[in-house]
Protein backbone atom coordinates (compact mmCIF):
# COMPACT_ATOMS: atom_id res chain seq x y z
CA UNK A 1 0.00 0.00 0.00
CA UNK A 2 2.00 2.94 1.34
CA UNK A 3 5.70 2.64 2.01
CA UNK A 4 7.43 3.74 5.20
CA UNK A 5 9.31 6.36 3.19
CA UNK A 6 6.07 7.91 1.92
CA UNK A 7 4.67 8.07 5.45
CA UNK A 8 7.88 9.65 6.72
CA UNK A 9 7.87 12.15 3.85
CA UNK A 10 4.27 13.22 4.52
CA UNK A 11 4.95 13.41 8.27
CA UNK A 12 7.98 15.60 7.60
CA UNK A 13 5.88 17.92 5.40
CA UNK A 14 3.26 18.12 8.16
CA UNK A 15 5.98 18.62 10.81
CA UNK A 16 4.89 15.53 12.75
CA UNK A 17 7.40 13.36 14.60
CA UNK A 18 6.91 9.62 14.21
CA UNK A 19 8.26 8.23 17.46
CA UNK A 20 5.77 5.37 17.72
CA UNK A 21 6.85 2.33 15.64
CA UNK A 22 3.22 1.12 15.36
CA UNK A 23 2.24 4.25 13.42
CA UNK A 24 2.97 2.54 10.10
CA UNK A 25 0.55 -0.30 10.88
CA UNK A 26 -2.11 2.20 11.93
CA UNK A 27 -1.68 4.23 8.72
CA UNK A 28 -1.97 1.04 6.65
CA UNK A 29 -5.19 0.14 8.51
CA UNK A 30 -6.62 3.62 7.90
CA UNK A 31 -5.81 3.50 4.20
CA UNK A 32 -7.31 0.02 3.84
CA UNK A 33 -10.44 1.32 5.55
CA UNK A 34 -10.59 4.20 3.05
CA UNK A 35 -10.27 1.63 0.26
CA UNK A 36 -13.30 -0.19 1.69
CA UNK A 37 -15.24 3.07 1.75
CA UNK A 38 -14.19 3.85 -1.83
CA UNK A 39 -15.45 0.46 -3.01
CA UNK A 40 -18.85 0.87 -1.33
CA UNK A 41 -20.40 1.91 -4.64
CA UNK A 42 -22.54 4.80 -3.51
CA UNK A 43 -22.22 6.70 -6.81
CA UNK A 44 -25.54 5.29 -8.00
CA UNK A 45 -27.36 6.21 -4.79
CA UNK A 46 -29.83 9.03 -5.12
CA UNK A 47 -29.62 11.83 -2.60
CA UNK A 48 -32.90 13.30 -1.51
CA UNK A 49 -33.26 16.80 -0.19
CA UNK A 50 -35.90 19.48 -0.14
CA UNK A 51 -35.19 22.78 -1.81
CA UNK A 52 -36.15 25.81 0.24
CA UNK A 53 -36.54 29.13 -1.54
CA UNK A 54 -34.50 32.02 -0.17
CA UNK A 55 -37.67 33.92 0.65
CA UNK A 56 -38.56 31.29 3.28
CA UNK A 57 -35.25 31.58 5.15
CA UNK A 58 -35.01 33.81 8.18
CA UNK A 59 -33.39 37.21 7.93
CA UNK A 60 -29.95 37.49 9.53
CA UNK A 61 -29.84 39.96 12.38
CA UNK A 62 -26.83 41.29 14.23
CA UNK A 63 -27.32 41.14 17.98
CA UNK A 64 -24.43 42.72 19.90
CA UNK A 65 -23.03 40.75 22.84
CA UNK A 66 -21.06 43.00 25.16
CA UNK A 67 -19.75 40.36 27.58
CA UNK A 68 -16.70 38.16 27.06
CA UNK A 69 -18.09 34.91 25.69
CA UNK A 70 -15.06 32.82 26.69
CA UNK A 71 -15.71 33.59 30.36
CA UNK A 72 -19.20 32.10 30.03
CA UNK A 73 -17.82 28.65 29.11
CA UNK A 74 -18.00 25.87 31.71
CA UNK A 75 -14.40 24.68 31.40
CA UNK A 76 -12.66 28.04 31.05
CA UNK A 77 -9.37 28.38 32.92
CA UNK A 78 -7.11 31.38 32.42
CA UNK A 79 -6.73 31.76 28.67
CA UNK A 80 -7.60 28.12 27.88
CA UNK A 81 -10.77 26.12 27.40
CA UNK A 82 -10.64 22.49 28.50
CA UNK A 83 -11.89 20.17 25.78
CA UNK A 84 -12.50 16.40 25.73
CA UNK A 85 -9.55 14.11 25.00
CA UNK A 86 -8.97 13.35 21.35
CA UNK A 87 -7.90 9.79 20.66
């Protein structure tokens, strides 16, 4: 699929260090999963949606907010906002 050199080259372009030796296996698994998705054959599927004329959409209105929004967040600490862990 993808060689170690290609992964290293892309990681270097993205300025990512590859310290974990299992990263190559994980990249191969991700690419094989994308291959499965590509072969799903959804090109012939029909997408259904309802068109809404612009006249039926609400008008945008500017409502000023004079307080600092970041201070209203639940997990605000100093100049940071605590977010859930990303795996």
